[in-house]
Amino acid sequence: MASIIHTPKDIFEQDFKTAVRGYSKQEVDEFLDDVIKDYETYEALVKDLRDEVARLKAAKASDSSKSTPFQQSSSAFSQSSQSIDIPQPNSATNFDILRRLNRLEKEVFGKRILDTDL
């Protein structure tokens, strides 16, 4: 993660050398004022997000220690369903899927689908 190089105070206190054909000091100051405001906004946003992450992690830790009846029943269901042989999605080829889909369409739509293919 990249580290922050300048703080809003550093930006505020930055002093530029003047040159004969340099930039307008007033325009530079106004721009840097806007940069400082944006930087403070980003700092506040990052702080809020870090606080929210910490709060959500704490909530997740406390929720995982509590077990509701639904969670208990779903874990019991998942343990009992482990004995059922469920085919994996990668085991079927595209041709098998198309063949099954064709059979399903024939069952659902019956003769109508055969008549419209002609």
Protein backbone atom coordinates (compact mmCIF):
# COMPACT_ATOMS: atom_id res chain seq x y z
CA MET A 1 0.00 0.00 0.00
CA ALA A 2 1.36 3.42 -0.92
CA SER A 3 2.17 5.75 1.91
CA ILE A 4 0.99 9.34 2.12
CA ILE A 5 3.78 11.79 1.34
CA HIS A 6 2.19 15.14 2.21
CA THR A 7 -0.22 16.12 4.94
CA PRO A 8 -2.63 19.03 4.54
CA LYS A 9 -0.29 21.03 6.76
CA ASP A 10 2.68 20.27 4.46
CA ILE A 11 0.71 21.47 1.45
CA PHE A 12 -0.37 24.61 3.28
CA GLU A 13 3.16 25.47 4.36
CA GLN A 14 4.77 24.73 0.97
CA ASP A 15 6.60 27.79 -0.37
CA PHE A 16 7.55 28.06 -4.03
CA LYS A 17 10.43 30.09 -5.43
CA THR A 18 9.50 33.03 -7.61
CA ALA A 19 10.73 33.48 -11.14
CA VAL A 20 10.48 36.27 -13.68
CA ARG A 21 7.87 34.50 -15.76
CA GLY A 22 6.48 32.29 -13.01
CA TYR A 23 2.92 31.41 -12.17
CA SER A 24 0.54 33.77 -10.46
CA LYS A 25 1.05 33.32 -6.73
CA GLN A 26 -2.65 33.95 -6.08
CA GLU A 27 -3.74 31.23 -8.53
CA VAL A 28 -1.27 28.75 -7.05
CA ASP A 29 -2.48 29.54 -3.53
CA GLU A 30 -6.14 29.12 -4.53
CA PHE A 31 -5.40 25.84 -6.22
CA LEU A 32 -3.44 24.55 -3.24
CA ASP A 33 -6.30 25.58 -0.93
CA ASP A 34 -8.61 23.39 -3.00
CA VAL A 35 -6.09 20.54 -2.89
CA ILE A 36 -5.93 20.85 0.90
CA LYS A 37 -9.73 20.67 1.16
CA ASP A 38 -9.81 17.59 -1.06
CA TYR A 39 -6.99 16.00 0.90
CA GLU A 40 -8.81 16.57 4.20
CA THR A 41 -11.95 15.08 2.68
CA TYR A 42 -10.01 11.99 1.57
CA GLU A 43 -8.42 11.63 5.00
CA ALA A 44 -11.85 11.79 6.65
CA LEU A 45 -13.25 9.28 4.17
CA VAL A 46 -10.39 6.85 4.74
CA LYS A 47 -10.83 7.17 8.52
CA ASP A 48 -14.58 6.51 8.22
CA LEU A 49 -13.99 3.48 6.00
CA ARG A 50 -11.37 2.05 8.34
CA ASP A 51 -13.75 2.51 11.28
CA GLU A 52 -16.51 0.77 9.32
CA VAL A 53 -14.22 -2.14 8.42
CA ALA A 54 -13.25 -2.54 12.07
CA ARG A 55 -16.91 -2.40 13.12
CA LEU A 56 -17.94 -4.99 10.50
CA LYS A 57 -15.09 -7.31 11.46
CA ALA A 58 -16.14 -7.06 15.10
CA ALA A 59 -19.77 -7.72 14.16
CA LYS A 60 -18.76 -10.71 12.06
CA ALA A 61 -16.66 -12.12 14.87
CA SER A 62 -19.52 -11.77 17.34
CA ASP A 63 -22.03 -13.25 14.83
CA SER A 64 -19.87 -16.26 14.14
CA SER A 65 -19.72 -17.07 17.84
CA LYS A 66 -23.53 -17.07 18.05
CA SER A 67 -25.38 -19.89 16.33
CA THR A 68 -29.04 -19.45 15.42
CA PRO A 69 -31.44 -22.38 15.03
CA PHE A 70 -31.55 -21.73 11.28
CA GLN A 71 -27.77 -21.99 11.06
CA GLN A 72 -27.86 -25.21 13.08
CA SER A 73 -30.54 -26.74 10.87
CA SER A 74 -28.79 -25.66 7.67
CA SER A 75 -25.52 -27.16 8.87
CA ALA A 76 -27.37 -30.39 9.73
CA PHE A 77 -28.95 -30.37 6.25
CA SER A 78 -25.60 -29.84 4.57
CA GLN A 79 -24.14 -32.75 6.56
CA SER A 80 -27.01 -35.06 5.57
CA SER A 81 -26.86 -33.99 1.91
CA GLN A 82 -23.21 -34.97 1.67
CA SER A 83 -24.24 -38.57 1.00
CA ILE A 84 -26.25 -37.55 -2.09
CA ASP A 85 -24.26 -37.79 -5.31
CA ILE A 86 -24.74 -34.47 -7.10
CA PRO A 87 -23.18 -34.23 -10.56
CA GLN A 88 -20.69 -31.43 -10.90
CA PRO A 89 -21.43 -28.73 -13.52
CA ASN A 90 -18.13 -29.36 -15.31
CA SER A 91 -18.92 -33.05 -15.84
CA ALA A 92 -21.54 -32.31 -18.54
CA THR A 93 -20.48 -31.24 -22.01
CA ASN A 94 -22.27 -28.62 -24.05
CA PHE A 95 -23.73 -31.34 -26.24
CA ASP A 96 -25.20 -33.12 -23.19
CA ILE A 97 -26.73 -29.88 -21.99
CA LEU A 98 -28.27 -29.12 -25.39
CA ARG A 99 -29.68 -32.65 -25.61
CA ARG A 100 -31.24 -32.34 -22.14
CA LEU A 101 -32.63 -28.92 -23.02
CA ASN A 102 -34.16 -30.30 -26.21
CA ARG A 103 -35.86 -33.12 -24.29
CA LEU A 104 -37.15 -30.64 -21.72
CA GLU A 105 -38.58 -28.38 -24.41
CA LYS A 106 -40.35 -31.34 -26.02
CA GLU A 107 -41.86 -32.31 -22.68
CA VAL A 108 -42.99 -28.78 -21.85
CA PHE A 109 -44.19 -27.57 -25.23
CA GLY A 110 -45.10 -30.91 -26.78
CA LYS A 111 -46.15 -30.86 -30.40
CA ARG A 112 -46.17 -27.05 -30.68
CA ILE A 113 -42.39 -26.83 -30.77
CA LEU A 114 -42.14 -29.55 -33.42
CA ASP A 115 -44.69 -27.77 -35.65
CA THR A 116 -42.89 -24.40 -35.44
CA ASP A 117 -39.52 -25.88 -36.43
CA LEU A 118 -40.82 -26.71 -39.92
